[in-house]
Every structure is written in C-alpha cells, then in structure tokens.
C-alpha cells in the first residue's frame, strides 16, 4: 500500500474529524478514509474536510445505532 500525501491543513482536518470518533473505532475511521482517498490526487482542503467529517459522522451514527440495538 502506498502512502497518501496530505497537506498540513488536510492532516489537521483528518485529526479534527478523528476526535469525533470513539477511540476504539479510530482504526475503522482511518481505514475507510484511506480507501476513499486511494487513487485521488486532486483532493482540495475543503473536500478533505467534508470527506473526513462525513466518514467520522457515519461511524459515530452506526456506533450509536449498534448501542441502541444491542
């Protein structure tokens, strides 16, 4: 797997969105984000913010739903 190049701003966006995710699901968040980023070289800072936040919110939402059901 090749590394994903991020700007400082993009890395900060990834880290800020990660704070929304429960600690035990951070690896899931990073894996999903990496899957979305693979092969995309044209990602701007704003799009990175939207993508990282969207994935973090989805993980938190599904974790909440699982807790309600379980």
Protein backbone atom coordinates (compact mmCIF):
# COMPACT_ATOMS: atom_id res chain seq x y z
CA UNK A 1 0.00 0.00 0.00
CA UNK A 2 1.47 3.34 -0.99
CA UNK A 3 1.44 6.32 1.38
CA UNK A 4 -1.15 9.04 0.97
CA UNK A 5 0.29 12.55 0.68
CA UNK A 6 -1.61 15.19 2.66
CA UNK A 7 -1.00 18.88 3.16
CA UNK A 8 -0.67 20.16 6.73
CA UNK A 9 -4.20 21.55 6.52
CA UNK A 10 -5.58 18.25 5.25
CA UNK A 11 -3.84 16.32 8.02
CA UNK A 12 -5.34 18.70 10.58
CA UNK A 13 -8.81 18.09 9.09
CA UNK A 14 -8.31 14.33 9.38
CA UNK A 15 -7.18 14.68 13.01
CA UNK A 16 -10.05 17.00 13.95
CA UNK A 17 -12.63 14.66 12.47
CA UNK A 18 -10.97 11.73 14.28
CA UNK A 19 -11.78 13.42 17.60
CA UNK A 20 -15.48 12.75 16.89
CA UNK A 21 -14.90 9.01 16.62
CA UNK A 22 -14.78 6.74 19.68
CA UNK A 23 -11.18 5.71 20.35
CA UNK A 24 -11.87 2.01 19.69
CA UNK A 25 -13.20 2.88 16.20
CA UNK A 26 -10.37 5.20 15.09
CA UNK A 27 -8.71 2.46 13.05
CA UNK A 28 -12.02 1.90 11.22
CA UNK A 29 -12.22 5.63 10.52
CA UNK A 30 -8.66 5.79 9.16
CA UNK A 31 -9.13 2.68 7.02
CA UNK A 32 -12.35 4.00 5.48
CA UNK A 33 -10.77 7.38 4.84
CA UNK A 34 -7.72 5.75 3.24
CA UNK A 35 -10.00 3.66 1.00
CA UNK A 36 -11.81 6.81 -0.13
CA UNK A 37 -8.54 8.66 -0.77
CA UNK A 38 -6.76 5.90 -2.65
CA UNK A 39 -6.04 6.99 -6.19
CA UNK A 40 -7.27 10.57 -5.69
CA UNK A 41 -4.56 13.16 -6.20
CA UNK A 42 -6.81 16.15 -6.79
CA UNK A 43 -8.36 16.49 -3.34
CA UNK A 44 -8.53 20.05 -2.04
CA UNK A 45 -8.55 21.11 1.60
CA UNK A 46 -12.30 21.76 1.66
CA UNK A 47 -13.12 18.44 0.07
CA UNK A 48 -10.85 16.68 2.58
CA UNK A 49 -12.76 18.40 5.41
CA UNK A 50 -16.11 17.28 4.02
CA UNK A 51 -14.95 13.71 3.38
CA UNK A 52 -13.23 13.24 6.76
CA UNK A 53 -16.21 14.73 8.62
CA UNK A 54 -18.71 12.64 6.67
CA UNK A 55 -16.90 9.39 7.41
CA UNK A 56 -16.48 10.28 11.09
CA UNK A 57 -20.19 11.14 11.42
CA UNK A 58 -21.20 7.88 9.72
CA UNK A 59 -19.06 5.83 12.10
CA UNK A 60 -20.44 7.65 15.14
CA UNK A 61 -24.01 7.23 13.86
CA UNK A 62 -23.59 3.49 13.24
CA UNK A 63 -21.90 3.05 16.63
CA UNK A 64 -24.87 4.78 18.26
CA UNK A 65 -27.35 2.64 16.37
CA UNK A 66 -25.49 -0.53 17.39
CA UNK A 67 -25.56 0.55 21.02
CA UNK A 68 -29.32 1.16 20.84
CA UNK A 69 -29.99 -2.25 19.30
CA UNK A 70 -27.52 -4.18 21.49
